[in-house]
Amino acid sequence: SDSDKLLRLKVDLGSEQRTIIAGIKNSYKPADILNRHVICVSNLKARKMRFGISEGMLLGASGDNGDDVFLLSADDGVKPGMSVK
């Protein structure tokens, strides 16, 4: 089921922390992304899901089947809360 693919993450946006529920469990364990700088979309309306409220979206790439997800990340030196330009 789709719920088997979901991870609930606490993401630091610099000025605040948000919960993001992302369908990346088949590709990442929580320890794999702990303290990693990922790119997220934070100007979305919060979305109520079966397992809680998701307050953003992680950016990633995947093939046509969508099974393998590769999170987009930033170079060293980036700080939480920086804008993508």
PDB file of N, CA and C in Angstrom:
ATOM      1  N   SER A   1       0.835  -1.194   0.000  1.00  0.00           N
ATOM      2  CA  SER A   1       0.000   0.000   0.000  1.00  0.00           C
ATOM      3  C   SER A   1       0.873   1.249   0.000  1.00  0.00           C
ATOM      4  N   ASP A   2       0.265   2.363  -0.338  1.00  0.00           N
ATOM      5  CA  ASP A   2       0.995   3.631  -0.369  1.00  0.00           C
ATOM      6  C   ASP A   2       1.539   4.010   1.001  1.00  0.00           C
ATOM      7  N   SER A   3       0.817   3.641   2.067  1.00  0.00           N
ATOM      8  CA  SER A   3       1.264   4.005   3.412  1.00  0.00           C
ATOM      9  C   SER A   3       2.573   3.324   3.780  1.00  0.00           C
ATOM     10  N   ASP A   4       2.886   2.195   3.145  1.00  0.00           N
ATOM     11  CA  ASP A   4       4.144   1.503   3.411  1.00  0.00           C
ATOM     12  C   ASP A   4       5.342   2.263   2.856  1.00  0.00           C
ATOM     13  N   LYS A   5       5.111   3.246   2.001  1.00  0.00           N
ATOM     14  CA  LYS A   5       6.179   4.020   1.376  1.00  0.00           C
ATOM     15  C   LYS A   5       6.462   5.331   2.107  1.00  0.00           C
ATOM     16  N   LEU A   6       5.650   5.651   3.112  1.00  0.00           N
ATOM     17  CA  LEU A   6       5.722   6.974   3.730  1.00  0.00           C
ATOM     18  C   LEU A   6       6.676   7.044   4.923  1.00  0.00           C
ATOM     19  N   LEU A   7       7.408   8.147   4.986  1.00  0.00           N
ATOM     20  CA  LEU A   7       8.209   8.500   6.162  1.00  0.00           C
ATOM     21  C   LEU A   7       7.723   9.849   6.663  1.00  0.00           C
ATOM     22  N   ARG A   8       7.601   9.968   7.972  1.00  0.00           N
ATOM     23  CA  ARG A   8       7.254  11.259   8.585  1.00  0.00           C
ATOM     24  C   ARG A   8       8.568  11.903   9.037  1.00  0.00           C
ATOM     25  N   LEU A   9       8.861  13.068   8.499  1.00  0.00           N
ATOM     26  CA  LEU A   9      10.128  13.739   8.764  1.00  0.00           C
ATOM     27  C   LEU A   9       9.902  15.083   9.429  1.00  0.00           C
ATOM     28  N   LYS A  10      10.812  15.476  10.296  1.00  0.00           N
ATOM     29  CA  LYS A  10      10.818  16.818  10.878  1.00  0.00           C
ATOM     30  C   LYS A  10      11.923  17.574  10.156  1.00  0.00           C
ATOM     31  N   VAL A  11      11.573  18.632   9.438  1.00  0.00           N
ATOM     32  CA  VAL A  11      12.513  19.359   8.589  1.00  0.00           C
ATOM     33  C   VAL A  11      12.767  20.747   9.183  1.00  0.00           C
ATOM     34  N   ASP A  12      14.032  21.118   9.275  1.00  0.00           N
ATOM     35  CA  ASP A  12      14.441  22.424   9.790  1.00  0.00           C
ATOM     36  C   ASP A  12      14.497  23.417   8.635  1.00  0.00           C
ATOM     37  N   LEU A  13      13.615  24.422   8.675  1.00  0.00           N
ATOM     38  CA  LEU A  13      13.594  25.457   7.633  1.00  0.00           C
ATOM     39  C   LEU A  13      14.312  26.728   8.076  1.00  0.00           C
ATOM     40  N   GLY A  14      15.114  26.632   9.096  1.00  0.00           N
ATOM     41  CA  GLY A  14      15.841  27.801   9.590  1.00  0.00           C
ATOM     42  C   GLY A  14      15.045  28.539  10.648  1.00  0.00           C
ATOM     43  N   SER A  15      13.925  29.140  10.259  1.00  0.00           N
ATOM     44  CA  SER A  15      13.104  29.906  11.191  1.00  0.00           C
ATOM     45  C   SER A  15      12.032  29.063  11.868  1.00  0.00           C
ATOM     46  N   GLU A  16      11.825  27.852  11.392  1.00  0.00           N
ATOM     47  CA  GLU A  16      10.810  26.967  11.954  1.00  0.00           C
ATOM     48  C   GLU A  16      11.098  25.523  11.548  1.00  0.00           C
ATOM     49  N   GLN A  17      10.430  24.611  12.227  1.00  0.00           N
ATOM     50  CA  GLN A  17      10.491  23.200  11.850  1.00  0.00           C
ATOM     51  C   GLN A  17       9.113  22.791  11.358  1.00  0.00           C
ATOM     52  N   ARG A  18       9.105  21.915  10.358  1.00  0.00           N
ATOM     53  CA  ARG A  18       7.837  21.431   9.813  1.00  0.00           C
ATOM     54  C   ARG A  18       7.873  19.914   9.685  1.00  0.00           C
ATOM     55  N   THR A  19       6.689  19.350   9.692  1.00  0.00           N
ATOM     56  CA  THR A  19       6.539  17.926   9.439  1.00  0.00           C
ATOM     57  C   THR A  19       6.228  17.734   7.964  1.00  0.00           C
ATOM     58  N   ILE A  20       6.980  16.859   7.329  1.00  0.00           N
ATOM     59  CA  ILE A  20       6.728  16.507   5.942  1.00  0.00           C
ATOM     60  C   ILE A  20       6.582  14.998   5.876  1.00  0.00           C
ATOM     61  N   ILE A  21       5.509  14.558   5.260  1.00  0.00           N
ATOM     62  CA  ILE A  21       5.280  13.132   5.052  1.00  0.00           C
ATOM     63  C   ILE A  21       5.619  12.857   3.594  1.00  0.00           C
ATOM     64  N   ALA A  22       6.642  12.035   3.384  1.00  0.00           N
ATOM     65  CA  ALA A  22       7.169  11.810   2.037  1.00  0.00           C
ATOM     66  C   ALA A  22       7.175  10.328   1.688  1.00  0.00           C
ATOM     67  N   GLY A  23       6.882  10.024   0.455  1.00  0.00           N
ATOM     68  CA  GLY A  23       6.848   8.646  -0.024  1.00  0.00           C
ATOM     69  C   GLY A  23       8.210   8.144  -0.459  1.00  0.00           C
ATOM     70  N   ILE A  24       9.159   8.125   0.475  1.00  0.00           N
ATOM     71  CA  ILE A  24      10.543   7.763   0.147  1.00  0.00           C
ATOM     72  C   ILE A  24      11.054   6.553   0.918  1.00  0.00           C
ATOM     73  N   LYS A  25      10.182   5.872   1.633  1.00  0.00           N
ATOM     74  CA  LYS A  25      10.616   4.784   2.516  1.00  0.00           C
ATOM     75  C   LYS A  25      11.265   3.622   1.763  1.00  0.00           C
ATOM     76  N   ASN A  26      10.881   3.402   0.506  1.00  0.00           N
ATOM     77  CA  ASN A  26      11.496   2.324  -0.268  1.00  0.00           C
ATOM     78  C   ASN A  26      12.936   2.656  -0.653  1.00  0.00           C
ATOM     79  N   SER A  27      13.288   3.936  -0.646  1.00  0.00           N
ATOM     80  CA  SER A  27      14.618   4.365  -1.078  1.00  0.00           C
ATOM     81  C   SER A  27      15.525   4.817   0.066  1.00  0.00           C
ATOM     82  N   TYR A  28      14.947   5.244   1.180  1.00  0.00           N
ATOM     83  CA  TYR A  28      15.739   5.804   2.283  1.00  0.00           C
ATOM     84  C   TYR A  28      15.256   5.287   3.627  1.00  0.00           C
ATOM     85  N   LYS A  29      16.214   5.028   4.504  1.00  0.00           N
ATOM     86  CA  LYS A  29      15.912   4.783   5.911  1.00  0.00           C
ATOM     87  C   LYS A  29      16.063   6.128   6.615  1.00  0.00           C
ATOM     88  N   PRO A  30      15.369   6.345   7.723  1.00  0.00           N
ATOM     89  CA  PRO A  30      15.502   7.631   8.420  1.00  0.00           C
ATOM     90  C   PRO A  30      16.957   8.015   8.707  1.00  0.00           C
ATOM     91  N   ALA A  31      17.785   7.049   9.089  1.00  0.00           N
ATOM     92  CA  ALA A  31      19.192   7.350   9.397  1.00  0.00           C
ATOM     93  C   ALA A  31      19.953   7.849   8.170  1.00  0.00           C
ATOM     94  N   ASP A  32      19.503   7.464   6.957  1.00  0.00           N
ATOM     95  CA  ASP A  32      20.171   7.891   5.725  1.00  0.00           C
ATOM     96  C   ASP A  32      20.022   9.385   5.459  1.00  0.00           C
ATOM     97  N   ILE A  33      18.966   9.984   5.994  1.00  0.00           N
ATOM     98  CA  ILE A  33      18.717  11.398   5.689  1.00  0.00           C
ATOM     99  C   ILE A  33      18.808  12.302   6.913  1.00  0.00           C
ATOM    100  N   LEU A  34      19.139  11.725   8.045  1.00  0.00           N
ATOM    101  CA  LEU A  34      19.310  12.520   9.257  1.00  0.00           C
ATOM    102  C   LEU A  34      20.435  13.527   9.055  1.00  0.00           C
ATOM    103  N   ASN A  35      20.163  14.789   9.332  1.00  0.00           N
ATOM    104  CA  ASN A  35      21.133  15.895   9.202  1.00  0.00           C
ATOM    105  C   ASN A  35      21.586  16.134   7.765  1.00  0.00           C
ATOM    106  N   ARG A  36      20.843  15.660   6.806  1.00  0.00           N
ATOM    107  CA  ARG A  36      21.161  15.912   5.395  1.00  0.00           C
ATOM    108  C   ARG A  36      20.438  17.173   4.939  1.00  0.00           C
ATOM    109  N   HIS A  37      21.089  17.969   4.103  1.00  0.00           N
ATOM    110  CA  HIS A  37      20.458  19.162   3.544  1.00  0.00           C
ATOM    111  C   HIS A  37      19.699  18.781   2.279  1.00  0.00           C
ATOM    112  N   VAL A  38      18.376  18.746   2.384  1.00  0.00           N
ATOM    113  CA  VAL A  38      17.527  18.411   1.249  1.00  0.00           C
ATOM    114  C   VAL A  38      16.808  19.667   0.782  1.00  0.00           C
ATOM    115  N   ILE A  39      16.257  19.592  -0.405  1.00  0.00           N
ATOM    116  CA  ILE A  39      15.514  20.728  -0.954  1.00  0.00           C
ATOM    117  C   ILE A  39      14.036  20.424  -0.791  1.00  0.00           C
ATOM    118  N   CYS A  40      13.316  21.382  -0.202  1.00  0.00           N
ATOM    119  CA  CYS A  40      11.887  21.166  -0.017  1.00  0.00           C
ATOM    120  C   CYS A  40      11.108  22.395  -0.455  1.00  0.00           C
ATOM    121  N   VAL A  41       9.855  22.147  -0.777  1.00  0.00           N
ATOM    122  CA  VAL A  41       8.916  23.210  -1.131  1.00  0.00           C
ATOM    123  C   VAL A  41       8.107  23.492   0.130  1.00  0.00           C
ATOM    124  N   SER A  42       8.170  24.725   0.606  1.00  0.00           N
ATOM    125  CA  SER A  42       7.518  25.050   1.870  1.00  0.00           C
ATOM    126  C   SER A  42       6.351  26.020   1.713  1.00  0.00           C
ATOM    127  N   ASN A  43       6.083  26.468   0.498  1.00  0.00           N
ATOM    128  CA  ASN A  43       4.989  27.430   0.323  1.00  0.00           C
ATOM    129  C   ASN A  43       3.708  26.756  -0.179  1.00  0.00           C
ATOM    130  N   LEU A  44       3.535  25.499   0.181  1.00  0.00           N
ATOM    131  CA  LEU A  44       2.324  24.766  -0.166  1.00  0.00           C
ATOM    132  C   LEU A  44       1.346  24.787   1.001  1.00  0.00           C
ATOM    133  N   LYS A  45       0.077  24.670   0.682  1.00  0.00           N
ATOM    134  CA  LYS A  45      -0.935  24.540   1.723  1.00  0.00           C
ATOM    135  C   LYS A  45      -0.723  23.198   2.426  1.00  0.00           C
ATOM    136  N   ALA A  46      -0.818  23.195   3.753  1.00  0.00           N
ATOM    137  CA  ALA A  46      -0.680  21.945   4.515  1.00  0.00           C
ATOM    138  C   ALA A  46      -1.728  20.958   4.027  1.00  0.00           C
ATOM    139  N   ARG A  47      -1.320  19.698   3.946  1.00  0.00           N
ATOM    140  CA  ARG A  47      -2.199  18.654   3.401  1.00  0.00           C
ATOM    141  C   ARG A  47      -2.456  17.591   4.457  1.00  0.00           C
ATOM    142  N   LYS A  48      -3.739  17.356   4.736  1.00  0.00           N
ATOM    143  CA  LYS A  48      -4.103  16.322   5.700  1.00  0.00           C
ATOM    144  C   LYS A  48      -3.995  14.963   5.016  1.00  0.00           C
ATOM    145  N   MET A  49      -3.219  14.082   5.631  1.00  0.00           N
ATOM    146  CA  MET A  49      -3.041  12.731   5.116  1.00  0.00           C
ATOM    147  C   MET A  49      -3.526  11.751   6.182  1.00  0.00           C
ATOM    148  N   ARG A  50      -3.592  10.493   5.837  1.00  0.00           N
ATOM    149  CA  ARG A  50      -4.081   9.496   6.785  1.00  0.00           C
ATOM    150  C   ARG A  50      -3.260   9.450   8.069  1.00  0.00           C
ATOM    151  N   PHE A  51      -1.984   9.766   7.965  1.00  0.00           N
ATOM    152  CA  PHE A  51      -1.092   9.617   9.118  1.00  0.00           C
ATOM    153  C   PHE A  51      -0.639  10.940   9.699  1.00  0.00           C
ATOM    154  N   GLY A  52      -1.333  12.026   9.373  1.00  0.00           N
ATOM    155  CA  GLY A  52      -0.991  13.324   9.922  1.00  0.00           C
ATOM    156  C   GLY A  52      -1.047  14.415   8.870  1.00  0.00           C
ATOM    157  N   ILE A  53      -0.535  15.559   9.232  1.00  0.00           N
ATOM    158  CA  ILE A  53      -0.514  16.725   8.351  1.00  0.00           C
ATOM    159  C   ILE A  53       0.880  16.854   7.755  1.00  0.00           C
ATOM    160  N   SER A  54       0.952  17.010   6.439  1.00  0.00           N
ATOM    161  CA  SER A  54       2.227  17.252   5.770  1.00  0.00           C
ATOM    162  C   SER A  54       2.289  18.727   5.417  1.00  0.00           C
ATOM    163  N   GLU A  55       3.368  19.390   5.842  1.00  0.00           N
ATOM    164  CA  GLU A  55       3.489  20.844   5.692  1.00  0.00           C
ATOM    165  C   GLU A  55       4.522  21.244   4.647  1.00  0.00           C
ATOM    166  N   GLY A  56       4.706  20.405   3.645  1.00  0.00           N
ATOM    167  CA  GLY A  56       5.661  20.709   2.589  1.00  0.00           C
ATOM    168  C   GLY A  56       5.913  19.482   1.744  1.00  0.00           C
ATOM    169  N   MET A  57       6.898  19.589   0.867  1.00  0.00           N
ATOM    170  CA  MET A  57       7.213  18.483  -0.032  1.00  0.00           C
ATOM    171  C   MET A  57       8.714  18.471  -0.287  1.00  0.00           C
ATOM    172  N   LEU A  58       9.309  17.290  -0.247  1.00  0.00           N
ATOM    173  CA  LEU A  58      10.712  17.137  -0.607  1.00  0.00           C
ATOM    174  C   LEU A  58      10.824  17.037  -2.110  1.00  0.00           C
ATOM    175  N   LEU A  59      11.911  17.562  -2.675  1.00  0.00           N
ATOM    176  CA  LEU A  59      12.140  17.438  -4.108  1.00  0.00           C
ATOM    177  C   LEU A  59      13.054  16.260  -4.379  1.00  0.00           C
ATOM    178  N   GLY A  60      12.659  15.457  -5.331  1.00  0.00           N
ATOM    179  CA  GLY A  60      13.444  14.295  -5.700  1.00  0.00           C
ATOM    180  C   GLY A  60      13.208  13.953  -7.156  1.00  0.00           C
ATOM    181  N   ALA A  61      13.992  13.030  -7.642  1.00  0.00           N
ATOM    182  CA  ALA A  61      13.864  12.555  -9.020  1.00  0.00           C
ATOM    183  C   ALA A  61      13.575  11.067  -8.981  1.00  0.00           C
ATOM    184  N   SER A  62      12.814  10.604  -9.980  1.00  0.00           N
ATOM    185  CA  SER A  62      12.546   9.177 -10.083  1.00  0.00           C
ATOM    186  C   SER A  62      12.286   8.824 -11.534  1.00  0.00           C
ATOM    187  N   GLY A  63      12.380   7.539 -11.828  1.00  0.00           N
ATOM    188  CA  GLY A  63      12.093   7.057 -13.177  1.00  0.00           C
ATOM    189  C   GLY A  63      10.600   6.954 -13.396  1.00  0.00           C
ATOM    190  N   ASP A  64      10.234   6.393 -14.520  1.00  0.00           N
ATOM    191  CA  ASP A  64       8.824   6.269 -14.880  1.00  0.00           C
ATOM    192  C   ASP A  64       8.011   5.451 -13.885  1.00  0.00           C
ATOM    193  N   ASN A  65       8.635   4.434 -13.286  1.00  0.00           N
ATOM    194  CA  ASN A  65       7.883   3.593 -12.347  1.00  0.00           C
ATOM    195  C   ASN A  65       7.718   4.252 -10.986  1.00  0.00           C
ATOM    196  N   GLY A  66       8.548   5.247 -10.665  1.00  0.00           N
ATOM    197  CA  GLY A  66       8.443   5.989  -9.414  1.00  0.00           C
ATOM    198  C   GLY A  66       8.911   5.244  -8.185  1.00  0.00           C
ATOM    199  N   ASP A  67       9.442   4.023  -8.367  1.00  0.00           N
ATOM    200  CA  ASP A  67       9.856   3.231  -7.206  1.00  0.00           C
ATOM    201  C   ASP A  67      11.127   3.766  -6.554  1.00  0.00           C
ATOM    202  N   ASP A  68      12.146   4.002  -7.335  1.00  0.00           N
ATOM    203  CA  ASP A  68      13.401   4.519  -6.796  1.00  0.00           C
ATOM    204  C   ASP A  68      13.363   6.032  -6.816  1.00  0.00           C
ATOM    205  N   VAL A  69      13.528   6.635  -5.633  1.00  0.00           N
ATOM    206  CA  VAL A  69      13.512   8.085  -5.498  1.00  0.00           C
ATOM    207  C   VAL A  69      14.906   8.545  -5.101  1.00  0.00           C
ATOM    208  N   PHE A  70      15.360   9.610  -5.712  1.00  0.00           N
ATOM    209  CA  PHE A  70      16.659  10.208  -5.407  1.00  0.00           C
ATOM    210  C   PHE A  70      16.417  11.640  -4.968  1.00  0.00           C
ATOM    211  N   LEU A  71      16.631  11.917  -3.673  1.00  0.00           N
ATOM    212  CA  LEU A  71      16.405  13.258  -3.147  1.00  0.00           C
ATOM    213  C   LEU A  71      17.409  14.237  -3.733  1.00  0.00           C
ATOM    214  N   LEU A  72      16.934  15.429  -4.042  1.00  0.00           N
ATOM    215  CA  LEU A  72      17.828  16.497  -4.470  1.00  0.00           C
ATOM    216  C   LEU A  72      18.409  17.136  -3.222  1.00  0.00           C
ATOM    217  N   SER A  73      19.683  17.437  -3.260  1.00  0.00           N
ATOM    218  CA  SER A  73      20.327  18.035  -2.093  1.00  0.00           C
ATOM    219  C   SER A  73      21.236  19.169  -2.545  1.00  0.00           C
ATOM    220  N   ALA A  74      21.698  19.917  -1.583  1.00  0.00           N
ATOM    221  CA  ALA A  74      22.519  21.098  -1.856  1.00  0.00           C
ATOM    222  C   ALA A  74      23.981  20.833  -1.512  1.00  0.00           C
ATOM    223  N   ASP A  75      24.860  21.653  -2.063  1.00  0.00           N
ATOM    224  CA  ASP A  75      26.289  21.544  -1.803  1.00  0.00           C
ATOM    225  C   ASP A  75      26.622  21.909  -0.356  1.00  0.00           C
ATOM    226  N   ASP A  76      27.805  21.524   0.067  1.00  0.00           N
ATOM    227  CA  ASP A  76      28.294  21.907   1.388  1.00  0.00           C
ATOM    228  C   ASP A  76      28.274  23.423   1.521  1.00  0.00           C
ATOM    229  N   GLY A  77      27.990  23.885   2.707  1.00  0.00           N
ATOM    230  CA  GLY A  77      27.955  25.318   2.976  1.00  0.00           C
ATOM    231  C   GLY A  77      26.544  25.872   3.062  1.00  0.00           C
ATOM    232  N   VAL A  78      25.580  25.139   2.545  1.00  0.00           N
ATOM    233  CA  VAL A  78      24.191  25.599   2.615  1.00  0.00           C
ATOM    234  C   VAL A  78      23.709  25.559   4.069  1.00  0.00           C
ATOM    235  N   LYS A  79      22.817  26.465   4.415  1.00  0.00           N
ATOM    236  CA  LYS A  79      22.261  26.541   5.767  1.00  0.00           C
ATOM    237  C   LYS A  79      20.751  26.317   5.701  1.00  0.00           C
ATOM    238  N   PRO A  80      20.159  25.718   6.746  1.00  0.00           N
ATOM    239  CA  PRO A  80      18.704  25.548   6.768  1.00  0.00           C
ATOM    240  C   PRO A  80      17.993  26.890   6.569  1.00  0.00           C
ATOM    241  N   GLY A  81      16.986  26.882   5.723  1.00  0.00           N
ATOM    242  CA  GLY A  81      16.193  28.084   5.489  1.00  0.00           C
ATOM    243  C   GLY A  81      16.608  28.886   4.271  1.00  0.00           C
ATOM    244  N   MET A  82      17.745  28.552   3.651  1.00  0.00           N
ATOM    245  CA  MET A  82      18.154  29.284   2.456  1.00  0.00           C
ATOM    246  C   MET A  82      17.153  29.019   1.338  1.00  0.00           C
ATOM    247  N   SER A  83      16.958  30.026   0.472  1.00  0.00           N
ATOM    248  CA  SER A  83      16.029  29.906  -0.649  1.00  0.00           C
ATOM    249  C   SER A  83      16.704  29.295  -1.858  1.00  0.00           C
ATOM    250  N   VAL A  84      15.917  28.562  -2.636  1.00  0.00           N
ATOM    251  CA  VAL A  84      16.383  28.044  -3.928  1.00  0.00           C
ATOM    252  C   VAL A  84      16.152  29.138  -4.944  1.00  0.00           C
ATOM    253  N   LYS A  85      17.188  29.438  -5.726  1.00  0.00           N
ATOM    254  CA  LYS A  85      17.068  30.521  -6.703  1.00  0.00           C
ATOM    255  C   LYS A  85      17.446  30.027  -8.084  1.00  0.00           C
TER     256      LYS A  85
END
